[in-house]
Structure formats: C-alpha cells, structure tokens
C-alpha cells in the first residue's frame, strides 16, 4: 500500500464507521420512540376510559340521589337507566319497598357531585366510587347529610359502559326493609332486666 492510498483507506474506514453508527442510532431511536408512543397511547386510552367510567357513574349517582316523594317518576326512571336487565329487574322490584320509606318520611333530596374516582379495573369491569353532597328534607327535619354520601358503581366497558352493580345508602335501606319515621319525642329508654331477673 502506497503512502497516497493510506489516507483514502483510513477515510473510507472512518466514513463507514460513522455511517454504521448513525444507522444504529437511528434504529435505536425509532425503536425507543415507537415503544414510548405505544406506551403513551395506552396511558391516554386508560385515562379516557377512566374518565368515561367516572362520568357515567357520577351522572347515575346524582340522578338516583335526587328524590322528591311528591313526584317519584324521575327518580324511578333514573334508578333503572343504563343498567343491565338483571340489575333493572332487582331495582324495579325494590322501588315499591323504597317508596314505603320515601312517602311517609316526605323525602326530598338534591345531590351535588363532589368527586368520582375509579377504584379498580379488572379487564373491562370498572368500579367507581362517587362522592356526593346531599341536602335532604324529611319529616325529621332538613339539612345536609353529614360527611359525603358514597355510591359504588360497577360498569362494563365491553357493553358500552352499562351499569352492572350499584352500592349506595339507598340499597342499604332497601336491604334493611321499610322504616317508619321516628316519633318527634323519643320515649324514655327502658333499662334491660338484670340477668336472671
């Protein structure tokens, strides 16, 4: 190899190394960018799904917590709106029982949304806790419920966000059966008899 060809060989080796390095960096960048984009798309989809579940659950909870015993039709409709046929049948069967509570208590309530949070995701099943502020008026008096009223709503994404389960103070009342209003003045407590007496 002559002295005149050495610089050309060196230059070729350097250029080849630089091109190879740039090509490797380009491939690496493309792989990393594609992975990041896929991960970001997944995070965006997850956030959008959670937001949708929370909106559906919040709308349902506010509607069913808004009650007027003088016109129960909107509340009855809200109870079964957007729920599965199985849940609808159970809720419709329970409405009559609930009416035995609402009418004698002259129940009127309005609800405002405080927050809705997705608490779990299992495949297509989302569980959302909905926190409401509830102003209530009954024969016992009027005022805001202490603390927050919490509804737990379960939804199925694969069925266009249909509601598959509802846990709420109302369902607790239904499970305990109809209640009569408390008397204006509670009777004096009667002490329990002593054991063996």
N, C-alpha and C. Protein backbone atom coordinates (compact mmCIF):
# COMPACT_ATOMS: atom_id res chain seq x y z
N UNK A 1 0.86 -1.17 0.00
CA UNK A 1 0.00 0.00 0.00
C UNK A 1 0.90 1.23 0.00
N UNK A 2 0.62 2.10 -0.90
CA UNK A 2 1.45 3.29 -1.03
C UNK A 2 1.00 4.34 -0.04
N UNK A 3 1.84 5.32 0.13
CA UNK A 3 1.52 6.41 1.08
C UNK A 3 0.30 7.18 0.62
N UNK A 4 0.07 7.24 -0.70
CA UNK A 4 -1.06 8.02 -1.21
C UNK A 4 -2.39 7.31 -1.00
N UNK A 5 -2.38 5.96 -0.88
CA UNK A 5 -3.63 5.23 -0.70
C UNK A 5 -4.02 5.10 0.77
N UNK A 6 -3.06 5.28 1.68
CA UNK A 6 -3.37 5.14 3.11
C UNK A 6 -4.44 6.13 3.59
N UNK A 7 -4.38 7.42 3.26
CA UNK A 7 -5.42 8.34 3.71
C UNK A 7 -6.80 7.95 3.18
N UNK A 8 -6.84 7.41 1.91
CA UNK A 8 -8.14 7.04 1.35
C UNK A 8 -8.74 5.86 2.10
N UNK A 9 -7.93 4.88 2.44
CA UNK A 9 -8.41 3.71 3.19
C UNK A 9 -8.88 4.16 4.57
N UNK A 10 -8.09 5.00 5.21
CA UNK A 10 -8.46 5.50 6.54
C UNK A 10 -9.77 6.27 6.49
N UNK A 11 -9.90 7.12 5.45
CA UNK A 11 -11.12 7.91 5.28
C UNK A 11 -12.32 7.00 5.05
N UNK A 12 -12.16 5.96 4.25
CA UNK A 12 -13.25 5.01 3.97
C UNK A 12 -13.67 4.29 5.25
N UNK A 13 -12.69 3.87 6.04
CA UNK A 13 -12.99 3.19 7.30
C UNK A 13 -13.74 4.12 8.25
N UNK A 14 -13.29 5.34 8.35
CA UNK A 14 -13.94 6.31 9.24
C UNK A 14 -15.36 6.59 8.77
N UNK A 15 -15.53 6.83 7.48
CA UNK A 15 -16.87 7.12 6.94
C UNK A 15 -17.80 5.94 7.16
N UNK A 16 -17.30 4.72 6.93
CA UNK A 16 -18.12 3.52 7.13
C UNK A 16 -18.53 3.39 8.59
N UNK A 17 -17.59 3.64 9.50
CA UNK A 17 -17.89 3.55 10.93
C UNK A 17 -18.93 4.59 11.34
N UNK A 18 -18.78 5.80 10.82
CA UNK A 18 -19.73 6.88 11.15
C UNK A 18 -21.12 6.54 10.61
N UNK A 19 -21.19 6.09 9.36
CA UNK A 19 -22.48 5.73 8.76
C UNK A 19 -23.13 4.59 9.53
N UNK A 20 -22.34 3.59 9.86
CA UNK A 20 -22.88 2.44 10.62
C UNK A 20 -23.39 2.90 11.98
N UNK A 21 -22.62 3.76 12.65
CA UNK A 21 -23.04 4.27 13.95
C UNK A 21 -24.32 5.08 13.87
N UNK A 22 -24.41 5.95 12.84
CA UNK A 22 -25.63 6.75 12.65
C UNK A 22 -26.84 5.86 12.36
N UNK A 23 -26.61 4.82 11.55
CA UNK A 23 -27.69 3.89 11.23
C UNK A 23 -28.17 3.17 12.49
N UNK A 24 -27.22 2.73 13.31
CA UNK A 24 -27.59 2.03 14.56
C UNK A 24 -28.35 2.97 15.49
N UNK A 25 -27.88 4.23 15.59
CA UNK A 25 -28.58 5.20 16.43
C UNK A 25 -29.99 5.48 15.91
N UNK A 26 -30.14 5.55 14.60
CA UNK A 26 -31.47 5.79 14.01
C UNK A 26 -32.43 4.65 14.33
N UNK A 27 -31.91 3.42 14.21
CA UNK A 27 -32.75 2.25 14.52
C UNK A 27 -33.13 2.25 15.99
N UNK A 28 -32.16 2.52 16.85
CA UNK A 28 -32.42 2.56 18.28
C UNK A 28 -33.44 3.63 18.63
N UNK A 29 -33.29 4.82 18.05
CA UNK A 29 -34.23 5.91 18.31
C UNK A 29 -35.63 5.53 17.85
N UNK A 30 -35.72 4.90 16.66
CA UNK A 30 -37.02 4.51 16.13
C UNK A 30 -37.71 3.50 17.04
N UNK A 31 -36.93 2.53 17.54
CA UNK A 31 -37.49 1.52 18.45
C UNK A 31 -37.96 2.16 19.74
N UNK A 32 -37.12 3.01 20.31
CA UNK A 32 -37.47 3.68 21.57
C UNK A 32 -38.67 4.59 21.39
N UNK A 33 -38.70 5.34 20.31
CA UNK A 33 -39.81 6.26 20.07
C UNK A 33 -41.11 5.50 19.88
N UNK A 34 -41.04 4.41 19.12
CA UNK A 34 -42.24 3.61 18.88
C UNK A 34 -42.75 3.01 20.19
N UNK A 35 -41.81 2.53 21.03
CA UNK A 35 -42.21 1.97 22.33
C UNK A 35 -42.83 3.03 23.21
N UNK A 36 -42.24 4.23 23.22
CA UNK A 36 -42.77 5.32 24.04
C UNK A 36 -44.13 5.75 23.53
N UNK A 37 -44.28 5.81 22.21
CA UNK A 37 -45.55 6.21 21.61
C UNK A 37 -46.65 5.21 21.96
N UNK A 38 -46.31 3.91 21.88
CA UNK A 38 -47.27 2.86 22.22
C UNK A 38 -47.67 2.96 23.69
N UNK A 39 -46.68 3.18 24.55
CA UNK A 39 -46.97 3.31 25.98
C UNK A 39 -47.81 4.54 26.25
N UNK A 40 -47.49 5.65 25.58
CA UNK A 40 -48.26 6.88 25.76
C UNK A 40 -49.69 6.70 25.27
N UNK A 41 -49.85 6.03 24.12
CA UNK A 41 -51.20 5.76 23.61
C UNK A 41 -51.99 4.93 24.61
N UNK A 42 -51.33 3.94 25.22
CA UNK A 42 -52.00 3.11 26.22
C UNK A 42 -52.42 3.91 27.43
N UNK A 43 -51.55 4.81 27.88
CA UNK A 43 -51.87 5.66 29.03
C UNK A 43 -53.03 6.60 28.71
N UNK A 44 -53.03 7.13 27.48
CA UNK A 44 -54.11 8.03 27.08
C UNK A 44 -55.44 7.29 27.00
N UNK A 45 -55.41 6.06 26.46
CA UNK A 45 -56.63 5.25 26.40
C UNK A 45 -57.14 4.93 27.79
N UNK A 46 -56.21 4.57 28.68
CA UNK A 46 -56.59 4.25 30.05
C UNK A 46 -57.21 5.46 30.75
N UNK A 47 -56.61 6.62 30.57
CA UNK A 47 -57.15 7.84 31.18
C UNK A 47 -58.53 8.17 30.61
N UNK A 48 -58.71 8.00 29.30
CA UNK A 48 -60.00 8.28 28.68
C UNK A 48 -61.06 7.30 29.17
N UNK A 49 -60.69 6.02 29.32
CA UNK A 49 -61.64 5.02 29.82
C UNK A 49 -62.04 5.33 31.25
N UNK A 50 -61.07 5.68 32.08
CA UNK A 50 -61.39 6.03 33.47
C UNK A 50 -62.31 7.25 33.54
N UNK A 51 -62.01 8.25 32.72
CA UNK A 51 -62.85 9.45 32.71
C UNK A 51 -64.28 9.12 32.28
N UNK A 52 -64.41 8.25 31.29
CA UNK A 52 -65.75 7.86 30.81
C UNK A 52 -66.51 7.11 31.90
N UNK A 53 -65.85 6.15 32.54
CA UNK A 53 -66.49 5.40 33.61
C UNK A 53 -66.93 6.33 34.74
N UNK A 54 -66.08 7.26 35.10
CA UNK A 54 -66.38 8.19 36.19
C UNK A 54 -67.54 9.11 35.83
N UNK A 55 -67.62 9.53 34.56
CA UNK A 55 -68.72 10.40 34.14
C UNK A 55 -70.06 9.67 34.18
N UNK A 56 -70.07 8.44 33.64
CA UNK A 56 -71.32 7.65 33.64
C UNK A 56 -71.76 7.37 35.07
N UNK A 57 -70.82 6.97 35.92
CA UNK A 57 -71.15 6.66 37.32
C UNK A 57 -71.64 7.89 38.06
N UNK A 58 -70.97 9.03 37.84
CA UNK A 58 -71.36 10.26 38.53
C UNK A 58 -72.76 10.70 38.12
N UNK A 59 -73.04 10.66 36.82
CA UNK A 59 -74.38 11.06 36.33
C UNK A 59 -75.46 10.18 36.96
N UNK A 60 -75.18 8.88 37.03
CA UNK A 60 -76.16 7.96 37.60
C UNK A 60 -76.38 8.25 39.09
N UNK A 61 -75.30 8.40 39.83
CA UNK A 61 -75.41 8.60 41.28
C UNK A 61 -76.15 9.88 41.61
N UNK A 62 -75.82 10.96 40.91
CA UNK A 62 -76.50 12.24 41.17
C UNK A 62 -77.99 12.10 40.88
N UNK A 63 -78.34 11.42 39.78
CA UNK A 63 -79.75 11.27 39.42
C UNK A 63 -80.53 10.45 40.44
N UNK A 64 -79.94 9.34 40.93
CA UNK A 64 -80.69 8.49 41.86
C UNK A 64 -80.70 9.05 43.28
N UNK A 65 -79.79 9.98 43.58
CA UNK A 65 -79.81 10.60 44.91
C UNK A 65 -80.70 11.85 44.95
N UNK A 66 -81.25 12.22 43.81
CA UNK A 66 -82.15 13.36 43.72
C UNK A 66 -83.58 12.83 43.72
N UNK A 67 -84.29 13.07 44.81
CA UNK A 67 -85.59 12.42 45.04
C UNK A 67 -86.60 13.46 45.52
N UNK A 68 -87.85 13.32 45.04
CA UNK A 68 -88.96 14.13 45.55
C UNK A 68 -90.16 13.19 45.71
N UNK A 69 -90.57 12.95 46.94
CA UNK A 69 -91.64 11.98 47.19
C UNK A 69 -92.94 12.40 46.49
N UNK A 70 -93.10 13.71 46.20
CA UNK A 70 -94.33 14.19 45.55
C UNK A 70 -94.36 13.83 44.07
N UNK A 71 -93.19 13.58 43.47
CA UNK A 71 -93.10 13.22 42.06
C UNK A 71 -91.97 12.20 41.90
N UNK A 72 -92.24 10.95 42.24
CA UNK A 72 -91.17 9.95 42.22
C UNK A 72 -90.81 9.41 40.84
N UNK A 73 -91.57 9.78 39.80
CA UNK A 73 -91.34 9.21 38.47
C UNK A 73 -89.92 9.45 37.95
N UNK A 74 -89.37 10.68 38.03
CA UNK A 74 -87.99 10.87 37.54
C UNK A 74 -86.97 10.01 38.30
N UNK A 75 -87.17 9.88 39.60
CA UNK A 75 -86.26 9.05 40.40
C UNK A 75 -86.37 7.58 40.00
N UNK A 76 -87.61 7.10 39.81
CA UNK A 76 -87.80 5.71 39.39
C UNK A 76 -87.12 5.44 38.04
N UNK A 77 -87.25 6.40 37.10
CA UNK A 77 -86.62 6.24 35.80
C UNK A 77 -85.10 6.25 35.92
N UNK A 78 -84.58 7.14 36.77
CA UNK A 78 -83.13 7.23 36.95
C UNK A 78 -82.56 5.95 37.54
N UNK A 79 -83.31 5.31 38.43
CA UNK A 79 -82.83 4.10 39.08
C UNK A 79 -82.49 2.99 38.09
N UNK A 80 -83.24 2.91 36.99
CA UNK A 80 -83.06 1.80 36.06
C UNK A 80 -82.44 2.23 34.73
N UNK A 81 -82.03 3.49 34.63
CA UNK A 81 -81.44 3.99 33.39
C UNK A 81 -80.01 3.48 33.23
N UNK A 82 -79.71 2.86 32.11
CA UNK A 82 -78.34 2.46 31.79
C UNK A 82 -77.82 1.27 32.59
N UNK A 83 -78.73 0.46 33.14
CA UNK A 83 -78.30 -0.70 33.92
C UNK A 83 -78.60 -1.98 33.15
N UNK A 84 -77.97 -3.08 33.57
CA UNK A 84 -78.22 -4.36 32.91
C UNK A 84 -79.66 -4.81 33.16
N UNK A 85 -80.20 -5.67 32.30
CA UNK A 85 -81.55 -6.18 32.54
C UNK A 85 -81.69 -6.87 33.90
N UNK A 86 -80.65 -7.60 34.32
CA UNK A 86 -80.71 -8.29 35.61
C UNK A 86 -80.80 -7.29 36.76
N UNK A 87 -79.97 -6.26 36.70
CA UNK A 87 -80.00 -5.24 37.76
C UNK A 87 -81.30 -4.44 37.70
N UNK A 88 -81.78 -4.17 36.50
CA UNK A 88 -83.04 -3.43 36.35
C UNK A 88 -84.18 -4.17 37.03
N UNK A 89 -84.24 -5.48 36.85
CA UNK A 89 -85.32 -6.27 37.47
C UNK A 89 -85.25 -6.17 38.99
N UNK A 90 -84.04 -6.24 39.56
CA UNK A 90 -83.90 -6.14 41.01
C UNK A 90 -84.27 -4.75 41.52
N UNK A 91 -83.85 -3.73 40.79
CA UNK A 91 -84.14 -2.36 41.22
C UNK A 91 -85.63 -2.05 41.11
N UNK A 92 -86.26 -2.51 40.03
CA UNK A 92 -87.70 -2.28 39.88
C UNK A 92 -88.47 -2.95 41.00
N UNK A 93 -88.04 -4.16 41.38
CA UNK A 93 -88.71 -4.86 42.48
C UNK A 93 -88.52 -4.12 43.79
N UNK A 94 -87.40 -3.40 43.92
CA UNK A 94 -87.10 -2.70 45.18
C UNK A 94 -87.75 -1.33 45.28
N UNK A 95 -88.14 -0.75 44.14
CA UNK A 95 -88.68 0.61 44.15
C UNK A 95 -89.93 0.71 45.01
N UNK A 96 -90.79 -0.29 44.94
CA UNK A 96 -92.00 -0.26 45.77
C UNK A 96 -91.68 -0.23 47.25
N UNK A 97 -90.69 -1.02 47.64
CA UNK A 97 -90.27 -1.03 49.05
C UNK A 97 -89.71 0.33 49.44
N UNK A 98 -88.90 0.90 48.55
CA UNK A 98 -88.30 2.19 48.84
C UNK A 98 -89.37 3.27 48.97
N UNK A 99 -90.42 3.15 48.16
CA UNK A 99 -91.49 4.13 48.22
C UNK A 99 -92.18 4.12 49.58
N UNK A 100 -92.18 2.96 50.25
CA UNK A 100 -92.75 2.88 51.60
C UNK A 100 -91.93 3.67 52.60
N UNK A 101 -90.68 3.96 52.25
CA UNK A 101 -89.83 4.80 53.09
C UNK A 101 -89.99 6.27 52.71
N UNK A 102 -89.98 6.55 51.40
CA UNK A 102 -90.00 7.93 50.92
C UNK A 102 -91.30 8.66 51.24
N UNK A 103 -92.42 7.99 51.04
CA UNK A 103 -93.71 8.66 51.22
C UNK A 103 -93.98 9.07 52.67
N UNK A 104 -93.92 8.15 53.63
CA UNK A 104 -94.20 8.58 55.00
C UNK A 104 -93.18 9.56 55.55
N UNK A 105 -91.95 9.49 55.06
CA UNK A 105 -90.92 10.42 55.53
C UNK A 105 -90.94 11.74 54.77
N UNK A 106 -91.78 11.82 53.70
CA UNK A 106 -91.85 13.03 52.86
C UNK A 106 -90.45 13.45 52.43
N UNK A 107 -89.76 12.53 51.83
CA UNK A 107 -88.34 12.66 51.49
C UNK A 107 -88.15 13.53 50.24
N UNK A 108 -87.35 14.56 50.39
CA UNK A 108 -86.91 15.39 49.26
C UNK A 108 -85.41 15.56 49.41
N UNK A 109 -84.66 15.22 48.36
CA UNK A 109 -83.21 15.38 48.43
C UNK A 109 -82.65 15.85 47.09
N UNK A 110 -81.58 16.63 47.17
CA UNK A 110 -80.85 17.05 45.98
C UNK A 110 -79.39 16.70 46.21
N UNK A 111 -78.73 16.31 45.14
CA UNK A 111 -77.34 15.87 45.25
C UNK A 111 -76.44 16.71 44.35
N UNK A 112 -75.23 16.96 44.85
CA UNK A 112 -74.20 17.62 44.04
C UNK A 112 -72.96 16.73 44.05
N UNK A 113 -72.31 16.67 42.92
CA UNK A 113 -71.13 15.82 42.78
C UNK A 113 -69.92 16.48 43.45
N UNK A 114 -69.28 15.74 44.35
CA UNK A 114 -68.01 16.19 44.94
C UNK A 114 -66.83 15.59 44.19
N UNK A 115 -66.92 14.29 43.87
CA UNK A 115 -65.81 13.65 43.15
C UNK A 115 -66.26 12.27 42.68
N UNK A 116 -65.56 11.75 41.68
CA UNK A 116 -65.76 10.39 41.20
C UNK A 116 -64.38 9.83 40.88
N UNK A 117 -64.07 8.66 41.44
CA UNK A 117 -62.74 8.08 41.32
C UNK A 117 -62.84 6.61 40.94
N UNK A 118 -62.11 6.23 39.90
CA UNK A 118 -62.04 4.81 39.55
C UNK A 118 -61.16 4.11 40.59
N UNK A 119 -61.74 3.15 41.28
CA UNK A 119 -61.00 2.47 42.35
C UNK A 119 -60.42 1.14 41.92
N UNK A 120 -60.97 0.54 40.86
CA UNK A 120 -60.38 -0.71 40.36
C UNK A 120 -60.79 -0.94 38.92
N UNK A 121 -59.90 -1.64 38.20
CA UNK A 121 -60.16 -2.04 36.82
C UNK A 121 -59.77 -3.50 36.70
N UNK A 122 -60.71 -4.33 36.27
CA UNK A 122 -60.45 -5.76 36.07
C UNK A 122 -60.92 -6.12 34.67
N UNK A 123 -60.01 -6.07 33.71
CA UNK A 123 -60.40 -6.29 32.33
C UNK A 123 -61.28 -5.15 31.87
N UNK A 124 -62.52 -5.48 31.50
CA UNK A 124 -63.48 -4.46 31.07
C UNK A 124 -64.36 -3.95 32.20
N UNK A 125 -64.17 -4.46 33.39
CA UNK A 125 -65.03 -4.08 34.52
C UNK A 125 -64.36 -2.97 35.34
N UNK A 126 -65.02 -1.83 35.40
CA UNK A 126 -64.52 -0.67 36.14
C UNK A 126 -65.41 -0.45 37.36
N UNK A 127 -64.78 -0.20 38.51
CA UNK A 127 -65.52 0.15 39.72
C UNK A 127 -65.18 1.58 40.08
N UNK A 128 -66.22 2.39 40.29
CA UNK A 128 -66.05 3.82 40.55
C UNK A 128 -66.73 4.18 41.86
N UNK A 129 -66.03 4.92 42.71
CA UNK A 129 -66.64 5.49 43.91
C UNK A 129 -67.04 6.92 43.60
N UNK A 130 -68.32 7.22 43.84
CA UNK A 130 -68.85 8.56 43.58
C UNK A 130 -69.19 9.21 44.91
N UNK A 131 -68.64 10.40 45.14
CA UNK A 131 -68.83 11.11 46.39
C UNK A 131 -69.77 12.28 46.16
N UNK A 132 -70.87 12.29 46.92
CA UNK A 132 -71.90 13.31 46.74
C UNK A 132 -72.11 14.11 48.01
N UNK A 133 -72.46 15.37 47.83
CA UNK A 133 -73.02 16.16 48.91
C UNK A 133 -74.53 16.13 48.75
N UNK A 134 -75.26 15.76 49.79
CA UNK A 134 -76.71 15.59 49.69
C UNK A 134 -77.42 16.50 50.70
N UNK A 135 -78.30 17.34 50.18
CA UNK A 135 -79.21 18.14 51.01
C UNK A 135 -80.53 17.40 51.06
N UNK A 136 -81.01 17.15 52.29
CA UNK A 136 -82.20 16.32 52.43
C UNK A 136 -83.21 16.99 53.35
N UNK A 137 -84.48 16.83 53.00
CA UNK A 137 -85.57 17.30 53.84
C UNK A 137 -86.55 16.15 54.05
N UNK A 138 -86.88 15.87 55.32
CA UNK A 138 -87.87 14.84 55.65
C UNK A 138 -88.70 15.36 56.81
N UNK A 139 -89.64 14.54 57.27
CA UNK A 139 -90.44 14.94 58.42
C UNK A 139 -89.58 15.10 59.67
N UNK A 140 -88.39 14.53 59.65
CA UNK A 140 -87.48 14.65 60.78
C UNK A 140 -86.71 15.96 60.77
N UNK A 141 -86.74 16.66 59.66
CA UNK A 141 -86.01 17.92 59.57
C UNK A 141 -85.30 18.04 58.24
N UNK A 142 -84.54 19.12 58.11
CA UNK A 142 -83.84 19.38 56.85
C UNK A 142 -82.38 19.68 57.14
N UNK A 143 -81.55 19.52 56.12
CA UNK A 143 -80.13 19.84 56.26
C UNK A 143 -79.28 18.98 55.36
N UNK A 144 -78.00 19.21 55.45
CA UNK A 144 -77.04 18.45 54.65
C UNK A 144 -76.64 17.20 55.41
N UNK A 145 -76.59 16.07 54.69
CA UNK A 145 -76.13 14.83 55.32
C UNK A 145 -74.70 15.03 55.82
N UNK A 146 -74.39 14.55 57.00
CA UNK A 146 -73.02 14.69 57.49
C UNK A 146 -72.05 13.90 56.62
N UNK A 147 -70.89 14.49 56.39
CA UNK A 147 -69.89 13.81 55.55
C UNK A 147 -70.36 13.74 54.11
N UNK A 148 -69.83 12.78 53.39
CA UNK A 148 -70.20 12.57 52.00
C UNK A 148 -70.99 11.28 51.85
N UNK A 149 -71.94 11.30 50.93
CA UNK A 149 -72.66 10.09 50.58
C UNK A 149 -71.88 9.41 49.45
N UNK A 150 -71.59 8.13 49.61
CA UNK A 150 -70.74 7.43 48.65
C UNK A 150 -71.56 6.35 47.93
N UNK A 151 -71.49 6.39 46.62
CA UNK A 151 -72.07 5.36 45.77
C UNK A 151 -70.92 4.57 45.13
N UNK A 152 -71.05 3.26 45.10
CA UNK A 152 -70.07 2.42 44.41
C UNK A 152 -70.75 1.84 43.18
N UNK A 153 -70.27 2.24 42.02
CA UNK A 153 -70.90 1.85 40.75
C UNK A 153 -69.92 0.98 39.97
N UNK A 154 -70.43 -0.16 39.47
CA UNK A 154 -69.64 -1.06 38.64
C UNK A 154 -70.16 -1.00 37.21
N UNK A 155 -69.22 -0.84 36.25
CA UNK A 155 -69.60 -0.69 34.85
C UNK A 155 -68.81 -1.65 33.98
N UNK A 156 -69.40 -1.99 32.82
CA UNK A 156 -68.76 -2.90 31.87
C UNK A 156 -68.44 -2.14 30.59
N UNK A 157 -67.15 -1.91 30.35
CA UNK A 157 -66.71 -1.18 29.16
C UNK A 157 -67.10 -1.91 27.88
N UNK A 158 -67.04 -3.25 27.89
CA UNK A 158 -67.30 -4.03 26.68
C UNK A 158 -68.77 -3.98 26.28
N UNK A 159 -69.62 -3.49 27.18
CA UNK A 159 -71.06 -3.39 26.88
C UNK A 159 -71.48 -1.92 26.88
N UNK A 160 -70.61 -1.07 26.37
CA UNK A 160 -70.88 0.36 26.23
C UNK A 160 -71.19 1.02 27.57
N UNK A 161 -70.38 0.65 28.57
CA UNK A 161 -70.43 1.27 29.90
C UNK A 161 -71.77 1.05 30.61
N UNK A 162 -72.37 -0.10 30.40
CA UNK A 162 -73.60 -0.42 31.11
C UNK A 162 -73.28 -0.65 32.59
N UNK A 163 -74.20 -0.26 33.46
CA UNK A 163 -74.00 -0.41 34.90
C UNK A 163 -74.43 -1.81 35.32
N UNK A 164 -73.51 -2.51 35.98
CA UNK A 164 -73.79 -3.89 36.38
C UNK A 164 -74.00 -4.04 37.88
N UNK A 165 -73.65 -3.02 38.65
CA UNK A 165 -73.82 -3.11 40.11
C UNK A 165 -73.87 -1.73 40.73
N UNK A 166 -74.67 -1.60 41.79
CA UNK A 166 -74.82 -0.33 42.50
C UNK A 166 -74.80 -0.60 43.99
N UNK A 167 -73.92 0.08 44.70
CA UNK A 167 -73.92 0.05 46.16
C UNK A 167 -74.12 1.47 46.65
N UNK A 168 -75.11 1.68 47.52
CA UNK A 168 -75.42 3.04 47.96
C UNK A 168 -76.17 3.00 49.28
N UNK A 169 -76.32 4.17 49.90
CA UNK A 169 -77.15 4.22 51.11
C UNK A 169 -78.58 3.77 50.84
N UNK A 170 -79.10 4.02 49.63
CA UNK A 170 -80.46 3.60 49.31
C UNK A 170 -80.57 2.08 49.28
N UNK A 171 -79.57 1.41 48.69
CA UNK A 171 -79.63 -0.05 48.66
C UNK A 171 -79.48 -0.63 50.05
N UNK A 172 -78.75 0.09 50.92
CA UNK A 172 -78.65 -0.36 52.32
C UNK A 172 -80.00 -0.26 53.00
N UNK A 173 -80.72 0.83 52.73
CA UNK A 173 -82.06 0.99 53.32
C UNK A 173 -83.00 -0.09 52.82
N UNK A 174 -82.88 -0.42 51.53
CA UNK A 174 -83.75 -1.46 50.97
C UNK A 174 -83.49 -2.81 51.62
N UNK A 175 -82.23 -3.10 51.87
CA UNK A 175 -81.90 -4.40 52.44
C UNK A 175 -82.36 -4.51 53.88
N UNK A 176 -82.52 -3.36 54.57
CA UNK A 176 -82.98 -3.41 55.96
C UNK A 176 -84.49 -3.30 56.08
N UNK A 177 -85.17 -3.11 54.94
CA UNK A 177 -86.62 -3.07 54.95
C UNK A 177 -87.14 -1.68 55.23
N UNK A 178 -88.47 -1.47 55.03
CA UNK A 178 -89.06 -0.16 55.23
C UNK A 178 -88.96 0.29 56.67
N UNK A 179 -88.78 1.60 56.83
CA UNK A 179 -88.69 2.16 58.17
C UNK A 179 -89.75 3.23 58.34
N UNK A 180 -90.25 3.37 59.52
CA UNK A 180 -91.21 4.41 59.82
C UNK A 180 -90.47 5.61 60.40
N UNK A 181 -91.02 6.83 60.22
CA UNK A 181 -90.36 8.00 60.79
C UNK A 181 -90.26 7.87 62.30
N UNK A 182 -89.19 8.40 62.84
CA UNK A 182 -89.04 8.39 64.29
C UNK A 182 -90.04 9.35 64.91
N UNK A 183 -90.59 9.06 66.08
CA UNK A 183 -91.52 9.99 66.72
C UNK A 183 -90.79 11.29 67.07
N UNK A 184 -91.58 12.35 67.16
CA UNK A 184 -90.98 13.67 67.44
C UNK A 184 -90.22 13.65 68.74
N UNK A 185 -90.78 12.97 69.73
CA UNK A 185 -90.09 12.85 71.02
C UNK A 185 -89.84 11.37 71.29
N UNK A 186 -88.60 11.02 71.42
CA UNK A 186 -88.29 9.61 71.65
C UNK A 186 -88.72 9.20 73.04
N UNK A 187 -89.30 8.02 73.19
CA UNK A 187 -89.71 7.56 74.52
C UNK A 187 -88.48 7.33 75.39
N UNK A 188 -88.70 7.39 76.68
CA UNK A 188 -87.59 7.16 77.62
C UNK A 188 -87.08 5.75 77.47
N UNK A 189 -85.78 5.61 77.58
CA UNK A 189 -85.20 4.28 77.47
C UNK A 189 -85.61 3.44 78.67
N UNK A 190 -85.98 2.19 78.40
CA UNK A 190 -86.34 1.28 79.46
C UNK A 190 -85.13 0.40 79.75
N UNK A 191 -84.65 0.38 81.00
CA UNK A 191 -83.46 -0.43 81.25
C UNK A 191 -83.74 -1.91 81.03
N UNK A 192 -82.73 -2.61 80.56
CA UNK A 192 -82.85 -4.05 80.35
C UNK A 192 -82.89 -4.74 81.69
N UNK A 193 -83.68 -5.84 81.81
CA UNK A 193 -83.71 -6.56 83.07
C UNK A 193 -82.35 -7.15 83.38
N UNK A 194 -82.03 -7.25 84.64
CA UNK A 194 -80.75 -7.83 85.05
C UNK A 194 -80.74 -9.31 84.70
N UNK A 195 -79.57 -9.84 84.38
CA UNK A 195 -79.50 -11.28 84.05
C UNK A 195 -80.07 -12.12 85.19
N UNK A 196 -80.92 -13.05 84.80
CA UNK A 196 -81.53 -13.95 85.77
C UNK A 196 -82.68 -13.30 86.51
N UNK A 197 -83.02 -12.01 86.15
CA UNK A 197 -84.08 -11.32 86.88
C UNK A 197 -85.39 -11.36 86.19
